[in-house]
């Protein structure tokens, strides 16, 4: 689409990771992807990336947290028993659809999404409320790191936030507050 709209030759490097929310994207960009010479860095987000149901498992990934006004990244996951177990089972799970399916179902269950995926519009039968497809679930608020990460990314005009779906008014306000290019 960029090539079509600009008439330029576009080269892309895809650093996308499944299940990453904005915190995980920021950590990965800070530690790795930002080191490449790039004209633009596109961050593809939706409602669940800005206002996630819960952060990724802190025992398996680095995670962002606020230390006063500063964004910090905690790398202590590599010392956790769950991570060491994951490393021992990684080859088995990498080549086994059953283990991958089980792992993904476990993550979705923990996030409260399994009923919605399996039962689609009938998920209300197993949930307390009918989910709002484009808005946050009841009582869900943006984590304390959402706006500071967006502000940090907005400091570099090469960083662009691309929304995959329509954002709720709450999430849209967070994006506008940060001033990041969209």
C-alpha atoms as a PDB file:
ATOM      1  CA  UNK A   1       0.000   0.000   0.000  1.00  0.00           C
ATOM      2  CA  UNK A   2       2.874   2.391   0.795  1.00  0.00           C
ATOM      3  CA  UNK A   3       4.529   1.662  -2.538  1.00  0.00           C
ATOM      4  CA  UNK A   4       1.243   2.179  -4.372  1.00  0.00           C
ATOM      5  CA  UNK A   5       0.466   5.440  -2.583  1.00  0.00           C
ATOM      6  CA  UNK A   6       3.966   6.937  -2.759  1.00  0.00           C
ATOM      7  CA  UNK A   7       5.371   5.520  -5.989  1.00  0.00           C
ATOM      8  CA  UNK A   8       8.510   4.579  -4.048  1.00  0.00           C
ATOM      9  CA  UNK A   9      10.254   1.243  -3.778  1.00  0.00           C
ATOM     10  CA  UNK A  10       9.473  -0.061  -0.313  1.00  0.00           C
ATOM     11  CA  UNK A  11      11.534  -2.586   1.617  1.00  0.00           C
ATOM     12  CA  UNK A  12       9.971  -4.025   4.746  1.00  0.00           C
ATOM     13  CA  UNK A  13      11.255  -5.900   7.746  1.00  0.00           C
ATOM     14  CA  UNK A  14       8.515  -7.608   9.720  1.00  0.00           C
ATOM     15  CA  UNK A  15       9.161  -7.822  13.459  1.00  0.00           C
ATOM     16  CA  UNK A  16       5.575  -8.702  14.367  1.00  0.00           C
ATOM     17  CA  UNK A  17       5.018 -11.254  17.123  1.00  0.00           C
ATOM     18  CA  UNK A  18       1.742 -12.924  17.960  1.00  0.00           C
ATOM     19  CA  UNK A  19       0.115 -12.054  21.282  1.00  0.00           C
ATOM     20  CA  UNK A  20       2.258  -8.957  21.831  1.00  0.00           C
ATOM     21  CA  UNK A  21       0.516  -5.956  23.359  1.00  0.00           C
ATOM     22  CA  UNK A  22       1.924  -2.403  23.270  1.00  0.00           C
ATOM     23  CA  UNK A  23       4.257  -3.104  26.204  1.00  0.00           C
ATOM     24  CA  UNK A  24       5.767  -6.131  24.473  1.00  0.00           C
ATOM     25  CA  UNK A  25       6.046  -4.243  21.162  1.00  0.00           C
ATOM     26  CA  UNK A  26       7.843  -1.369  22.894  1.00  0.00           C
ATOM     27  CA  UNK A  27      10.302  -3.719  24.598  1.00  0.00           C
ATOM     28  CA  UNK A  28      11.041  -5.571  21.364  1.00  0.00           C
ATOM     29  CA  UNK A  29      11.430  -2.328  19.416  1.00  0.00           C
ATOM     30  CA  UNK A  30      13.669  -0.780  22.087  1.00  0.00           C
ATOM     31  CA  UNK A  31      15.901  -3.838  22.452  1.00  0.00           C
ATOM     32  CA  UNK A  32      16.066  -4.983  18.840  1.00  0.00           C
ATOM     33  CA  UNK A  33      14.066  -3.507  15.960  1.00  0.00           C
ATOM     34  CA  UNK A  34      15.029   0.145  16.546  1.00  0.00           C
ATOM     35  CA  UNK A  35      18.641  -0.776  15.745  1.00  0.00           C
ATOM     36  CA  UNK A  36      17.837  -1.091  12.053  1.00  0.00           C
ATOM     37  CA  UNK A  37      18.151   1.910   9.738  1.00  0.00           C
ATOM     38  CA  UNK A  38      14.519   2.618   8.921  1.00  0.00           C
ATOM     39  CA  UNK A  39      12.418   5.382   7.443  1.00  0.00           C
ATOM     40  CA  UNK A  40       9.270   4.324   9.291  1.00  0.00           C
ATOM     41  CA  UNK A  41       8.435   1.963  12.132  1.00  0.00           C
ATOM     42  CA  UNK A  42       4.806   0.873  11.951  1.00  0.00           C
ATOM     43  CA  UNK A  43       3.156  -0.388  15.137  1.00  0.00           C
ATOM     44  CA  UNK A  44      -0.027  -2.274  14.244  1.00  0.00           C
ATOM     45  CA  UNK A  45      -2.373  -2.121  17.233  1.00  0.00           C
ATOM     46  CA  UNK A  46      -5.958  -2.706  18.137  1.00  0.00           C
ATOM     47  CA  UNK A  47      -8.023  -2.198  21.262  1.00  0.00           C
ATOM     48  CA  UNK A  48      -6.515  -5.201  23.057  1.00  0.00           C
ATOM     49  CA  UNK A  49      -2.962  -3.956  22.487  1.00  0.00           C
ATOM     50  CA  UNK A  50      -3.615  -0.574  24.113  1.00  0.00           C
ATOM     51  CA  UNK A  51      -5.981  -1.760  26.833  1.00  0.00           C
ATOM     52  CA  UNK A  52      -5.126  -5.463  27.204  1.00  0.00           C
ATOM     53  CA  UNK A  53      -7.149  -7.914  29.253  1.00  0.00           C
ATOM     54  CA  UNK A  54      -3.898  -8.706  31.045  1.00  0.00           C
ATOM     55  CA  UNK A  55      -0.242  -8.450  30.280  1.00  0.00           C
ATOM     56  CA  UNK A  56       1.544 -11.397  28.743  1.00  0.00           C
ATOM     57  CA  UNK A  57       2.830 -13.937  31.211  1.00  0.00           C
ATOM     58  CA  UNK A  58       5.563 -12.138  33.170  1.00  0.00           C
ATOM     59  CA  UNK A  59       7.316 -15.456  33.756  1.00  0.00           C
ATOM     60  CA  UNK A  60       7.900 -15.981  30.012  1.00  0.00           C
ATOM     61  CA  UNK A  61       8.654 -12.523  28.578  1.00  0.00           C
ATOM     62  CA  UNK A  62      10.283  -9.223  29.482  1.00  0.00           C
ATOM     63  CA  UNK A  63       7.645  -6.715  30.562  1.00  0.00           C
ATOM     64  CA  UNK A  64       7.335  -2.967  30.969  1.00  0.00           C
ATOM     65  CA  UNK A  65       6.449  -1.255  34.205  1.00  0.00           C
ATOM     66  CA  UNK A  66       6.514   2.286  35.521  1.00  0.00           C
ATOM     67  CA  UNK A  67       9.180   3.374  37.990  1.00  0.00           C
ATOM     68  CA  UNK A  68       7.933   6.814  38.938  1.00  0.00           C
ATOM     69  CA  UNK A  69       7.898   8.707  35.634  1.00  0.00           C
ATOM     70  CA  UNK A  70      10.260   6.283  33.858  1.00  0.00           C
ATOM     71  CA  UNK A  71       9.381   3.233  31.766  1.00  0.00           C
ATOM     72  CA  UNK A  72      11.475   0.256  32.809  1.00  0.00           C
ATOM     73  CA  UNK A  73      11.810  -3.183  31.283  1.00  0.00           C
ATOM     74  CA  UNK A  74      12.088  -6.171  33.605  1.00  0.00           C
ATOM     75  CA  UNK A  75      14.141  -9.070  32.233  1.00  0.00           C
ATOM     76  CA  UNK A  76      13.927 -11.324  35.281  1.00  0.00           C
ATOM     77  CA  UNK A  77      11.729 -13.835  33.405  1.00  0.00           C
ATOM     78  CA  UNK A  78      14.820 -15.847  32.425  1.00  0.00           C
ATOM     79  CA  UNK A  79      15.299 -16.811  36.087  1.00  0.00           C
ATOM     80  CA  UNK A  80      11.730 -18.077  36.571  1.00  0.00           C
ATOM     81  CA  UNK A  81      10.933 -21.809  36.836  1.00  0.00           C
ATOM     82  CA  UNK A  82       8.124 -21.465  34.276  1.00  0.00           C
ATOM     83  CA  UNK A  83      10.581 -20.093  31.684  1.00  0.00           C
ATOM     84  CA  UNK A  84      13.080 -22.887  32.332  1.00  0.00           C
ATOM     85  CA  UNK A  85      10.268 -25.428  31.886  1.00  0.00           C
ATOM     86  CA  UNK A  86       9.243 -23.691  28.662  1.00  0.00           C
ATOM     87  CA  UNK A  87      12.828 -23.946  27.392  1.00  0.00           C
ATOM     88  CA  UNK A  88      12.900 -27.679  28.119  1.00  0.00           C
ATOM     89  CA  UNK A  89       9.613 -28.217  26.275  1.00  0.00           C
ATOM     90  CA  UNK A  90      10.223 -25.712  23.470  1.00  0.00           C
ATOM     91  CA  UNK A  91      11.294 -28.223  20.792  1.00  0.00           C
ATOM     92  CA  UNK A  92       8.360 -30.515  21.555  1.00  0.00           C
ATOM     93  CA  UNK A  93       5.869 -27.653  21.486  1.00  0.00           C
ATOM     94  CA  UNK A  94       7.450 -26.140  18.371  1.00  0.00           C
ATOM     95  CA  UNK A  95       6.802 -29.265  16.318  1.00  0.00           C
ATOM     96  CA  UNK A  96       3.569 -30.412  17.932  1.00  0.00           C
ATOM     97  CA  UNK A  97       0.258 -28.881  16.905  1.00  0.00           C
ATOM     98  CA  UNK A  98      -1.387 -30.384  20.000  1.00  0.00           C
ATOM     99  CA  UNK A  99       1.015 -28.681  22.428  1.00  0.00           C
ATOM    100  CA  UNK A 100       0.770 -25.363  20.537  1.00  0.00           C
ATOM    101  CA  UNK A 101      -3.032 -25.568  20.526  1.00  0.00           C
ATOM    102  CA  UNK A 102      -3.093 -26.399  24.247  1.00  0.00           C
ATOM    103  CA  UNK A 103      -0.701 -23.537  25.054  1.00  0.00           C
ATOM    104  CA  UNK A 104      -2.735 -21.037  23.010  1.00  0.00           C
ATOM    105  CA  UNK A 105      -6.011 -22.227  24.543  1.00  0.00           C
ATOM    106  CA  UNK A 106      -4.507 -21.800  28.025  1.00  0.00           C
ATOM    107  CA  UNK A 107      -3.504 -18.195  27.218  1.00  0.00           C
ATOM    108  CA  UNK A 108      -6.923 -17.408  25.772  1.00  0.00           C
ATOM    109  CA  UNK A 109      -8.650 -18.944  28.788  1.00  0.00           C
ATOM    110  CA  UNK A 110      -6.526 -16.817  31.140  1.00  0.00           C
ATOM    111  CA  UNK A 111      -7.476 -13.695  29.161  1.00  0.00           C
ATOM    112  CA  UNK A 112     -11.163 -14.633  29.201  1.00  0.00           C
ATOM    113  CA  UNK A 113     -11.299 -14.999  25.399  1.00  0.00           C
ATOM    114  CA  UNK A 114     -11.766 -18.721  24.878  1.00  0.00           C
ATOM    115  CA  UNK A 115     -15.563 -18.652  25.031  1.00  0.00           C
ATOM    116  CA  UNK A 116     -15.706 -15.798  22.529  1.00  0.00           C
ATOM    117  CA  UNK A 117     -13.445 -17.572  20.055  1.00  0.00           C
ATOM    118  CA  UNK A 118     -15.042 -20.995  20.381  1.00  0.00           C
ATOM    119  CA  UNK A 119     -18.669 -19.884  20.661  1.00  0.00           C
ATOM    120  CA  UNK A 120     -18.513 -16.566  18.733  1.00  0.00           C
ATOM    121  CA  UNK A 121     -21.801 -14.648  19.156  1.00  0.00           C
ATOM    122  CA  UNK A 122     -23.104 -17.291  21.588  1.00  0.00           C
ATOM    123  CA  UNK A 123     -20.253 -16.712  24.043  1.00  0.00           C
ATOM    124  CA  UNK A 124     -22.660 -14.892  26.348  1.00  0.00           C
ATOM    125  CA  UNK A 125     -23.873 -18.370  27.348  1.00  0.00           C
ATOM    126  CA  UNK A 126     -20.624 -18.945  29.258  1.00  0.00           C
ATOM    127  CA  UNK A 127     -19.701 -15.341  30.126  1.00  0.00           C
ATOM    128  CA  UNK A 128     -21.225 -12.896  32.567  1.00  0.00           C
ATOM    129  CA  UNK A 129     -21.944 -10.340  29.858  1.00  0.00           C
ATOM    130  CA  UNK A 130     -22.168 -10.045  26.095  1.00  0.00           C
ATOM    131  CA  UNK A 131     -18.761  -8.762  24.934  1.00  0.00           C
ATOM    132  CA  UNK A 132     -18.499  -5.465  23.100  1.00  0.00           C
ATOM    133  CA  UNK A 133     -16.514  -6.211  19.934  1.00  0.00           C
ATOM    134  CA  UNK A 134     -14.812  -2.807  19.573  1.00  0.00           C
ATOM    135  CA  UNK A 135     -14.802  -1.546  23.151  1.00  0.00           C
ATOM    136  CA  UNK A 136     -12.987  -2.568  26.288  1.00  0.00           C
ATOM    137  CA  UNK A 137     -14.554  -5.163  28.522  1.00  0.00           C
ATOM    138  CA  UNK A 138     -16.399  -3.790  31.512  1.00  0.00           C
ATOM    139  CA  UNK A 139     -14.046  -2.424  34.145  1.00  0.00           C
ATOM    140  CA  UNK A 140     -10.942  -2.700  31.972  1.00  0.00           C
ATOM    141  CA  UNK A 141      -8.618   0.285  32.126  1.00  0.00           C
ATOM    142  CA  UNK A 142      -5.407   1.118  30.328  1.00  0.00           C
ATOM    143  CA  UNK A 143      -2.319  -0.032  32.231  1.00  0.00           C
ATOM    144  CA  UNK A 144      -0.118   2.702  33.696  1.00  0.00           C
ATOM    145  CA  UNK A 145       2.445   2.151  30.917  1.00  0.00           C
ATOM    146  CA  UNK A 146       0.142   2.764  27.913  1.00  0.00           C
ATOM    147  CA  UNK A 147       0.352   6.556  27.683  1.00  0.00           C
ATOM    148  CA  UNK A 148       4.061   6.815  28.648  1.00  0.00           C
ATOM    149  CA  UNK A 149       4.957   4.258  25.967  1.00  0.00           C
ATOM    150  CA  UNK A 150       2.886   6.101  23.369  1.00  0.00           C
ATOM    151  CA  UNK A 151       4.532   9.390  24.414  1.00  0.00           C
ATOM    152  CA  UNK A 152       7.987   7.808  24.165  1.00  0.00           C
ATOM    153  CA  UNK A 153       7.228   6.416  20.707  1.00  0.00           C
ATOM    154  CA  UNK A 154       5.769   9.785  19.646  1.00  0.00           C
ATOM    155  CA  UNK A 155       9.162  11.433  20.309  1.00  0.00           C
ATOM    156  CA  UNK A 156      10.404   9.882  17.060  1.00  0.00           C
ATOM    157  CA  UNK A 157       8.389  11.079  14.030  1.00  0.00           C
ATOM    158  CA  UNK A 158       9.393   7.880  12.194  1.00  0.00           C
ATOM    159  CA  UNK A 159       7.169   5.871  14.559  1.00  0.00           C
ATOM    160  CA  UNK A 160       3.614   5.457  13.296  1.00  0.00           C
ATOM    161  CA  UNK A 161       0.689   3.792  15.020  1.00  0.00           C
ATOM    162  CA  UNK A 162      -1.556   1.855  12.623  1.00  0.00           C
ATOM    163  CA  UNK A 163      -4.924   0.784  13.984  1.00  0.00           C
ATOM    164  CA  UNK A 164      -6.226  -2.535  12.712  1.00  0.00           C
ATOM    165  CA  UNK A 165      -9.803  -1.998  13.905  1.00  0.00           C
ATOM    166  CA  UNK A 166     -11.862   0.894  15.158  1.00  0.00           C
ATOM    167  CA  UNK A 167     -10.736   1.947  18.631  1.00  0.00           C
ATOM    168  CA  UNK A 168     -13.064   2.678  21.516  1.00  0.00           C
ATOM    169  CA  UNK A 169     -13.396   6.354  22.519  1.00  0.00           C
ATOM    170  CA  UNK A 170     -11.188   5.613  25.575  1.00  0.00           C
ATOM    171  CA  UNK A 171      -8.373   4.091  23.508  1.00  0.00           C
ATOM    172  CA  UNK A 172      -8.671   6.789  20.841  1.00  0.00           C
ATOM    173  CA  UNK A 173      -8.301   9.443  23.557  1.00  0.00           C
ATOM    174  CA  UNK A 174      -5.088   7.774  24.763  1.00  0.00           C
ATOM    175  CA  UNK A 175      -3.661   7.799  21.228  1.00  0.00           C
ATOM    176  CA  UNK A 176      -4.619  11.445  20.662  1.00  0.00           C
ATOM    177  CA  UNK A 177      -3.204  12.415  24.063  1.00  0.00           C
ATOM    178  CA  UNK A 178       0.179  11.017  23.070  1.00  0.00           C
ATOM    179  CA  UNK A 179       0.405  12.866  19.765  1.00  0.00           C
ATOM    180  CA  UNK A 180       1.907   9.835  18.003  1.00  0.00           C
ATOM    181  CA  UNK A 181       1.566   9.778  14.222  1.00  0.00           C
ATOM    182  CA  UNK A 182      -1.311   7.541  13.167  1.00  0.00           C
END
